[in-house]
């Protein structure tokens, strides 16, 4: 970009043109804003944000879905390999534990290796998902940065630029997730207390008090967590666009969201619901198709099958379900991030007059300034 190659922070330009609706001075007419890429370079309405996200997925599907397929597919293969290695190491212990009668207890010689292997797999899964999430949250804004300007970008370039920002993006994601820790922990504590009371058939007041405190605490802290999360939801985009560090990106996101919290909350919630419904619809056919090999495999099992035989019999269903979850994850991860990135662009256009800078970078004539669009139809009006 000529003036703002990284879409860095700070206000740019100022008033541009004489007409309040973007027309040439003295004409009094409205001139459509330039649209070199997936969105017009003016304040965005809901249709512009959603349409821009869909257009980006349509034009840059190879980069977006290719990156997601490589990351999630590679993560699945790595975890499958790790599970196979762990099973081969503790298969004997697992067989002895599974074959125990109800009145028998497992020995520590069998339990310790199983717990160790499970903990190692869980830790590996957390590390893998952190890296995959960081790369995806870096790759989507990287593609969007060029999509807004209508410029092509190669898959290798997306990978290089995403990898260069993966560490600060992971930091921003961790800091963002911390805002939801308290209500989630309270709900988990209430759930555990309820399960314990059901299993032990405890009719005392201790479990009831724990459940009540957990639910009430979550209800009290939940709204604050949502408010804070929306305030910092633009932080991953800030890390990529402006190359900020995690803490500075959270501050920058809070600054951009100021005065527009409810609108960003509504659009973010709508995008998440749309992605969740699309992911569920995509996953259903895979689950249905996986039932047939699963039924055939389980029908051939003996009366007392081993754990390995059960896993082999259910492998068809597990593979189909895993594929469905991976495709669903690609959609449900990509679309909300595109919407969030476009909200970042919109806030900078509204508050920092970024439109002329983007027009200059795209090599198109700039028009403006543009008032925010009217969401109820009609002529543009001031926000």
Protein backbone atom coordinates (compact mmCIF):
# COMPACT_ATOMS: atom_id res chain seq x y z
CA UNK A 1 0.00 0.00 0.00
CA UNK A 2 1.31 3.38 -0.90
CA UNK A 3 0.50 5.31 2.25
CA UNK A 4 -0.43 2.63 4.76
CA UNK A 5 1.19 -0.59 3.62
CA UNK A 6 0.35 -2.47 6.79
CA UNK A 7 -2.94 -0.74 7.58
CA UNK A 8 -1.19 0.59 10.67
CA UNK A 9 -2.74 2.55 13.52
CA UNK A 10 -3.54 6.21 13.60
CA UNK A 11 -5.92 8.54 11.81
CA UNK A 12 -5.46 9.17 8.14
CA UNK A 13 -6.43 11.86 5.75
CA UNK A 14 -9.43 13.85 6.87
CA UNK A 15 -12.40 15.34 5.08
CA UNK A 16 -12.31 14.53 1.41
CA UNK A 17 -14.42 16.33 -1.14
CA UNK A 18 -17.01 19.06 -0.66
CA UNK A 19 -20.32 17.21 -0.72
CA UNK A 20 -21.52 15.50 2.46
CA UNK A 21 -22.57 12.51 0.31
CA UNK A 22 -19.38 12.16 -1.61
CA UNK A 23 -20.35 14.06 -4.74
CA UNK A 24 -18.08 16.61 -6.38
CA UNK A 25 -18.31 20.08 -4.83
CA UNK A 26 -21.32 21.93 -6.13
CA UNK A 27 -22.99 18.95 -7.76
CA UNK A 28 -24.97 17.78 -4.72
CA UNK A 29 -25.20 14.22 -6.07
CA UNK A 30 -24.13 10.95 -4.53
CA UNK A 31 -21.19 9.15 -6.09
CA UNK A 32 -20.92 5.42 -5.37
CA UNK A 33 -17.78 4.58 -3.38
CA UNK A 34 -15.03 2.68 -5.17
CA UNK A 35 -15.13 -1.08 -4.84
CA UNK A 36 -11.85 -2.57 -6.02
CA UNK A 37 -12.35 -5.76 -4.03
CA UNK A 38 -15.03 -7.49 -2.01
CA UNK A 39 -16.42 -4.41 -0.24
CA UNK A 40 -17.04 -0.77 -1.07
CA UNK A 41 -14.46 1.50 0.50
CA UNK A 42 -17.04 3.24 2.67
CA UNK A 43 -18.79 2.56 5.98
CA UNK A 44 -20.27 -0.91 5.74
CA UNK A 45 -23.80 -2.04 6.41
CA UNK A 46 -24.80 -5.53 7.47
CA UNK A 47 -25.28 -6.62 3.87
CA UNK A 48 -21.84 -5.28 2.94
CA UNK A 49 -20.18 -7.19 5.78
CA UNK A 50 -21.91 -10.51 5.08
CA UNK A 51 -21.63 -10.09 1.31
CA UNK A 52 -17.95 -9.26 1.62
CA UNK A 53 -17.35 -12.38 3.71
CA UNK A 54 -19.15 -14.59 1.18
CA UNK A 55 -17.36 -12.91 -1.74
CA UNK A 56 -13.99 -13.47 -0.09
CA UNK A 57 -14.75 -17.15 0.39
CA UNK A 58 -15.84 -17.38 -3.24
CA UNK A 59 -12.87 -15.57 -4.77
CA UNK A 60 -10.14 -16.82 -2.44
CA UNK A 61 -11.48 -20.26 -1.61
CA UNK A 62 -8.24 -21.97 -2.61
CA UNK A 63 -6.22 -19.92 -0.15
CA UNK A 64 -8.75 -20.01 2.71
CA UNK A 65 -10.03 -23.56 2.46
CA UNK A 66 -6.67 -24.87 1.31
CA UNK A 67 -4.97 -23.43 4.38
CA UNK A 68 -7.71 -24.75 6.65
CA UNK A 69 -7.63 -28.21 5.05
CA UNK A 70 -3.85 -28.44 5.40
CA UNK A 71 -3.93 -27.29 9.02
CA UNK A 72 -6.90 -29.30 10.28
CA UNK A 73 -6.04 -32.31 8.16
CA UNK A 74 -2.45 -32.24 9.34
CA UNK A 75 -3.58 -31.87 12.94
CA UNK A 76 -5.95 -34.83 12.59
CA UNK A 77 -3.23 -37.02 11.06
CA UNK A 78 -0.73 -36.02 13.73
CA UNK A 79 -3.20 -36.77 16.52
CA UNK A 80 -4.17 -40.09 14.90
CA UNK A 81 -0.51 -41.06 14.73
CA UNK A 82 0.00 -40.06 18.35
CA UNK A 83 -3.05 -42.08 19.43
CA UNK A 84 -1.77 -45.12 17.52
CA UNK A 85 1.67 -44.83 19.13
CA UNK A 86 0.15 -44.37 22.58
CA UNK A 87 -2.17 -47.34 22.09
CA UNK A 88 0.67 -49.58 21.00
CA UNK A 89 2.55 -48.57 24.15
CA UNK A 90 -0.28 -49.17 26.65
CA UNK A 91 -2.49 -51.69 24.83
CA UNK A 92 -1.69 -54.42 27.34
CA UNK A 93 -2.62 -52.23 30.30
CA UNK A 94 -5.82 -51.15 28.55
CA UNK A 95 -6.85 -54.73 27.83
CA UNK A 96 -6.39 -55.74 31.46
CA UNK A 97 -8.41 -52.77 32.72
CA UNK A 98 -11.24 -53.35 30.23
CA UNK A 99 -11.44 -57.07 31.04
CA UNK A 100 -11.88 -56.49 34.79
CA UNK A 101 -15.10 -57.62 36.43
CA UNK A 102 -17.30 -55.14 38.26
CA UNK A 103 -16.05 -56.25 41.66
CA UNK A 104 -12.37 -55.98 40.66
CA UNK A 105 -10.22 -52.87 40.84
CA UNK A 106 -7.39 -51.97 38.52
CA UNK A 107 -3.85 -51.94 39.85
CA UNK A 108 -1.68 -48.85 39.84
CA UNK A 109 0.71 -50.62 37.46
CA UNK A 110 -2.03 -50.45 34.83
CA UNK A 111 -3.60 -47.10 35.76
CA UNK A 112 -0.41 -45.01 35.81
CA UNK A 113 0.63 -45.77 32.18
CA UNK A 114 -2.92 -45.12 30.97
CA UNK A 115 -3.14 -41.78 32.80
CA UNK A 116 0.32 -40.80 31.56
CA UNK A 117 -0.54 -41.63 27.96
CA UNK A 118 -3.88 -39.80 28.19
CA UNK A 119 -2.26 -36.72 29.70
CA UNK A 120 0.43 -36.67 27.02
CA UNK A 121 -2.21 -36.92 24.29
CA UNK A 122 -4.25 -34.14 25.88
CA UNK A 123 -1.22 -31.86 26.14
CA UNK A 124 -0.25 -32.59 22.55
CA UNK A 125 -3.81 -31.85 21.43
CA UNK A 126 -3.81 -28.49 23.21
CA UNK A 127 -0.48 -27.49 21.65
CA UNK A 128 -1.57 -28.57 18.16
CA UNK A 129 -4.91 -26.76 18.36
CA UNK A 130 -3.18 -23.60 19.65
CA UNK A 131 -0.84 -23.58 16.67
CA UNK A 132 -3.60 -24.42 14.18
CA UNK A 133 -5.93 -21.77 15.60
CA UNK A 134 -3.16 -19.19 15.59
CA UNK A 135 -2.31 -19.90 11.96
CA UNK A 136 -5.97 -19.75 10.91
CA UNK A 137 -6.58 -16.49 12.78
CA UNK A 138 -3.50 -15.09 11.05
CA UNK A 139 -4.25 -16.49 7.59
CA UNK A 140 -7.84 -15.22 7.27
CA UNK A 141 -6.98 -11.52 7.85
CA UNK A 142 -3.97 -11.95 5.57
CA UNK A 143 -6.24 -13.04 2.73
CA UNK A 144 -8.83 -10.40 3.61
CA UNK A 145 -6.20 -7.67 3.49
CA UNK A 146 -5.72 -8.37 -0.22
CA UNK A 147 -9.39 -9.17 -0.87
CA UNK A 148 -10.43 -5.67 0.20
CA UNK A 149 -8.09 -4.23 -2.41
CA UNK A 150 -8.98 -6.79 -5.08
CA UNK A 151 -5.45 -8.12 -5.34
CA UNK A 152 -4.46 -11.78 -5.78
CA UNK A 153 -2.36 -13.58 -3.23
CA UNK A 154 -0.62 -16.93 -3.56
CA UNK A 155 -1.03 -19.74 -1.08
CA UNK A 156 2.70 -19.64 -0.27
CA UNK A 157 2.46 -15.94 0.56
CA UNK A 158 -0.49 -16.57 2.87
CA UNK A 159 1.46 -19.28 4.64
CA UNK A 160 4.59 -17.12 5.07
CA UNK A 161 2.72 -14.08 6.36
CA UNK A 162 0.49 -16.15 8.66
CA UNK A 163 3.45 -18.03 10.11
CA UNK A 164 5.28 -14.75 10.80
CA UNK A 165 2.36 -13.56 13.00
CA UNK A 166 1.33 -16.85 14.61
CA UNK A 167 2.99 -16.24 18.00
CA UNK A 168 1.41 -12.81 18.72
CA UNK A 169 -1.93 -14.04 17.36
CA UNK A 170 -1.85 -17.00 19.77
CA UNK A 171 -1.03 -14.55 22.56
CA UNK A 172 -4.00 -12.37 21.62
CA UNK A 173 -6.29 -15.40 21.48
CA UNK A 174 -5.15 -16.58 24.92
CA UNK A 175 -5.68 -13.14 26.44
CA UNK A 176 -9.09 -12.90 24.79
CA UNK A 177 -10.09 -16.33 26.07
CA UNK A 178 -9.14 -15.38 29.64
CA UNK A 179 -12.17 -13.10 29.83
CA UNK A 180 -14.45 -16.14 29.62
CA UNK A 181 -12.55 -18.27 32.15
CA UNK A 182 -14.46 -17.27 35.29
CA UNK A 183 -18.05 -17.95 34.10
CA UNK A 184 -16.96 -21.15 32.34
CA UNK A 185 -15.22 -22.44 35.47
CA UNK A 186 -18.26 -21.61 37.57
CA UNK A 187 -20.55 -23.50 35.19
CA UNK A 188 -18.16 -26.46 35.17
CA UNK A 189 -18.10 -26.48 38.97
CA UNK A 190 -21.91 -26.46 39.06
CA UNK A 191 -22.07 -29.30 36.54
CA UNK A 192 -19.53 -31.41 38.44
CA UNK A 193 -21.40 -30.83 41.69
CA UNK A 194 -24.66 -31.89 40.07
CA UNK A 195 -23.09 -35.07 38.63
CA UNK A 196 -21.52 -35.94 41.99
CA UNK A 197 -24.83 -35.49 43.78
CA UNK A 198 -26.59 -37.70 41.23
CA UNK A 199 -23.97 -40.45 41.39
CA UNK A 200 -23.73 -40.50 45.18
CA UNK A 201 -27.48 -39.94 45.64
CA UNK A 202 -26.63 -37.21 48.10
CA UNK A 203 -29.80 -35.44 49.20
CA UNK A 204 -27.98 -33.00 51.46
CA UNK A 205 -27.78 -29.28 50.94
CA UNK A 206 -24.06 -29.13 50.11
CA UNK A 207 -24.41 -30.14 46.47
CA UNK A 208 -27.43 -27.88 46.02
CA UNK A 209 -25.53 -24.91 47.38
CA UNK A 210 -22.56 -25.63 45.08
CA UNK A 211 -24.83 -25.89 42.03
CA UNK A 212 -26.68 -22.71 42.95
CA UNK A 213 -23.49 -20.75 43.57
CA UNK A 214 -22.00 -21.93 40.28
CA UNK A 215 -25.06 -21.05 38.21
CA UNK A 216 -25.66 -17.69 39.91
CA UNK A 217 -21.97 -16.80 39.65
CA UNK A 218 -21.95 -17.63 35.96
CA UNK A 219 -25.06 -15.53 35.39
CA UNK A 220 -23.43 -12.60 37.18
CA UNK A 221 -20.01 -12.79 35.53
CA UNK A 222 -21.26 -13.97 32.11
CA UNK A 223 -22.51 -10.58 30.85
CA UNK A 224 -19.28 -8.89 31.93
CA UNK A 225 -17.27 -11.57 30.11
CA UNK A 226 -19.33 -11.08 26.94
CA UNK A 227 -18.90 -7.31 27.13
CA UNK A 228 -15.14 -7.62 27.54
CA UNK A 229 -14.90 -10.27 24.80
CA UNK A 230 -16.63 -8.04 22.26
CA UNK A 231 -14.37 -5.16 23.27
CA UNK A 232 -11.28 -7.20 22.36
CA UNK A 233 -12.69 -9.39 19.56
CA UNK A 234 -10.85 -7.35 16.90
CA UNK A 235 -7.45 -8.04 18.50
CA UNK A 236 -6.37 -10.91 16.17
CA UNK A 237 -7.16 -8.74 13.13
CA UNK A 238 -5.20 -5.87 14.69
CA UNK A 239 -2.20 -8.16 15.21
CA UNK A 240 -2.18 -9.07 11.50
CA UNK A 241 -3.17 -5.75 9.92
CA UNK A 242 -1.16 -3.45 12.17
CA UNK A 243 1.52 -5.92 13.38
CA UNK A 244 0.78 -5.07 17.01
CA UNK A 245 1.75 -7.14 20.01
CA UNK A 246 -0.99 -8.95 21.94
CA UNK A 247 -1.54 -6.45 24.78
CA UNK A 248 -1.38 -3.47 22.42
CA UNK A 249 -3.79 -5.25 20.07
CA UNK A 250 -6.33 -5.64 22.89
CA UNK A 251 -6.10 -1.94 23.69
CA UNK A 252 -6.44 -1.06 20.01
CA UNK A 253 -9.49 -3.32 19.64
CA UNK A 254 -11.15 -1.68 22.64
CA UNK A 255 -10.51 1.72 21.08
CA UNK A 256 -12.05 0.72 17.74
CA UNK A 257 -15.11 -0.93 19.32
CA UNK A 258 -15.85 2.09 21.51
CA UNK A 259 -19.23 3.58 20.62
CA UNK A 260 -20.30 0.67 18.41
CA UNK A 261 -20.46 -2.26 20.87
CA UNK A 262 -24.04 -3.33 20.24
CA UNK A 263 -23.71 -3.33 16.47
CA UNK A 264 -20.50 -5.39 16.58
CA UNK A 265 -22.08 -7.76 19.11
CA UNK A 266 -25.14 -8.29 16.91
CA UNK A 267 -23.20 -8.89 13.70
CA UNK A 268 -20.70 -11.17 15.44
CA UNK A 269 -23.50 -13.18 17.04
CA UNK A 270 -25.33 -13.48 13.71
CA UNK A 271 -22.15 -14.64 11.93
CA UNK A 272 -21.51 -17.23 14.63
CA UNK A 273 -25.06 -18.58 14.40
CA UNK A 274 -24.88 -18.75 10.60
CA UNK A 275 -21.57 -20.62 10.76
CA UNK A 276 -22.88 -23.02 13.41
CA UNK A 277 -25.99 -23.87 11.37
CA UNK A 278 -23.92 -24.32 8.20
CA UNK A 279 -21.44 -26.54 10.03
CA UNK A 280 -24.24 -28.70 11.45
CA UNK A 281 -25.89 -29.09 8.06
CA UNK A 282 -22.55 -30.05 6.48
CA UNK A 283 -21.72 -32.56 9.20
CA UNK A 284 -25.05 -34.42 9.10
CA UNK A 285 -24.49 -36.30 5.79
CA UNK A 286 -21.08 -37.52 6.96
CA UNK A 287 -22.54 -38.83 10.21
CA UNK A 288 -25.35 -40.61 8.37
CA UNK A 289 -22.98 -42.17 5.85
CA UNK A 290 -20.70 -43.31 8.65
CA UNK A 291 -23.50 -45.29 10.31
CA UNK A 292 -23.51 -47.98 7.61
CA UNK A 293 -19.87 -49.15 7.92
CA UNK A 294 -20.20 -48.83 11.69
CA UNK A 295 -23.25 -51.12 11.77
CA UNK A 296 -21.59 -53.65 9.49
CA UNK A 297 -18.40 -53.63 11.55
CA UNK A 298 -20.08 -54.02 14.93
CA UNK A 299 -22.29 -56.85 13.63
CA UNK A 300 -19.20 -58.98 13.02
CA UNK A 301 -17.83 -58.60 16.56
CA UNK A 302 -17.58 -61.51 18.97
CA UNK A 303 -19.48 -61.66 22.25
CA UNK A 304 -16.42 -60.45 24.17
CA UNK A 305 -14.52 -58.21 21.70
CA UNK A 306 -11.21 -56.60 22.53
CA UNK A 307 -10.69 -52.85 22.53
CA UNK A 308 -8.68 -53.10 19.30
CA UNK A 309 -11.48 -55.04 17.58
CA UNK A 310 -14.04 -52.42 18.61
CA UNK A 311 -11.86 -49.61 17.26
CA UNK A 312 -11.36 -51.41 13.94
CA UNK A 313 -15.09 -52.13 13.65
CA UNK A 314 -15.96 -48.49 14.33
CA UNK A 315 -13.17 -47.08 12.13
CA UNK A 316 -15.51 -46.35 9.21
CA UNK A 317 -17.89 -44.36 11.37
CA UNK A 318 -15.02 -42.56 13.10
CA UNK A 319 -13.37 -41.60 9.80
CA UNK A 320 -16.65 -40.32 8.31
CA UNK A 321 -17.42 -38.35 11.46
CA UNK A 322 -13.91 -36.91 11.55
CA UNK A 323 -14.16 -35.79 7.92
CA UNK A 324 -17.53 -34.18 8.61
CA UNK A 325 -16.17 -32.37 11.64
CA UNK A 326 -13.14 -31.16 9.69
CA UNK A 327 -15.25 -29.74 6.84
CA UNK A 328 -17.64 -28.22 9.36
CA UNK A 329 -14.73 -26.73 11.28
CA UNK A 330 -13.33 -25.14 8.13
CA UNK A 331 -16.60 -23.31 7.45
CA UNK A 332 -17.41 -22.43 11.06
CA UNK A 333 -13.90 -21.06 11.58
CA UNK A 334 -13.41 -19.13 8.35
CA UNK A 335 -16.69 -17.24 8.02
CA UNK A 336 -16.81 -15.59 11.49
CA UNK A 337 -13.18 -14.52 11.16
CA UNK A 338 -13.92 -12.88 7.82
CA UNK A 339 -16.83 -11.02 9.38
CA UNK A 340 -14.66 -9.89 12.29
CA UNK A 341 -11.94 -8.71 9.90
CA UNK A 342 -14.47 -6.71 7.88
CA UNK A 343 -15.81 -5.14 11.07
CA UNK A 344 -12.24 -4.04 11.81
CA UNK A 345 -11.99 -2.45 8.38
CA UNK A 346 -15.40 -0.82 8.83
CA UNK A 347 -14.46 0.71 12.17
CA UNK A 348 -11.29 2.18 10.73
CA UNK A 349 -13.18 3.60 7.76
CA UNK A 350 -15.71 5.17 10.12
CA UNK A 351 -13.30 6.52 12.73
CA UNK A 352 -10.06 7.12 10.82
CA UNK A 353 -11.15 7.86 7.24
CA UNK A 354 -9.27 4.85 5.92
CA UNK A 355 -11.30 4.72 2.70
CA UNK A 356 -9.13 7.16 0.68
CA UNK A 357 -5.98 5.36 1.83
CA UNK A 358 -7.36 2.01 0.65
CA UNK A 359 -8.48 3.55 -2.63
CA UNK A 360 -4.98 4.91 -3.20
CA UNK A 361 -3.46 1.53 -2.40
CA UNK A 362 -5.87 -0.18 -4.79
CA UNK A 363 -5.16 2.33 -7.54
CA UNK A 364 -8.74 3.59 -7.89
CA UNK A 365 -10.08 7.15 -7.63
CA UNK A 366 -11.02 7.99 -4.07
CA UNK A 367 -14.41 9.44 -3.20
CA UNK A 368 -15.62 10.63 0.14
CA UNK A 369 -16.13 11.19 2.91
CA UNK A 370 -19.05 8.76 3.14
CA UNK A 371 -21.66 8.87 5.85
CA UNK A 372 -22.52 5.50 7.39
CA UNK A 373 -25.26 3.64 5.51
CA UNK A 374 -28.89 3.74 6.52
CA UNK A 375 -29.86 0.32 7.85
CA UNK A 376 -33.54 0.93 7.29
CA UNK A 377 -33.19 1.89 3.64
CA UNK A 378 -33.39 5.31 2.02
CA UNK A 379 -30.73 7.95 1.69
CA UNK A 380 -27.48 7.72 3.64
CA UNK A 381 -27.58 9.34 7.05
CA UNK A 382 -25.04 10.29 9.70
CA UNK A 383 -24.25 7.62 12.31
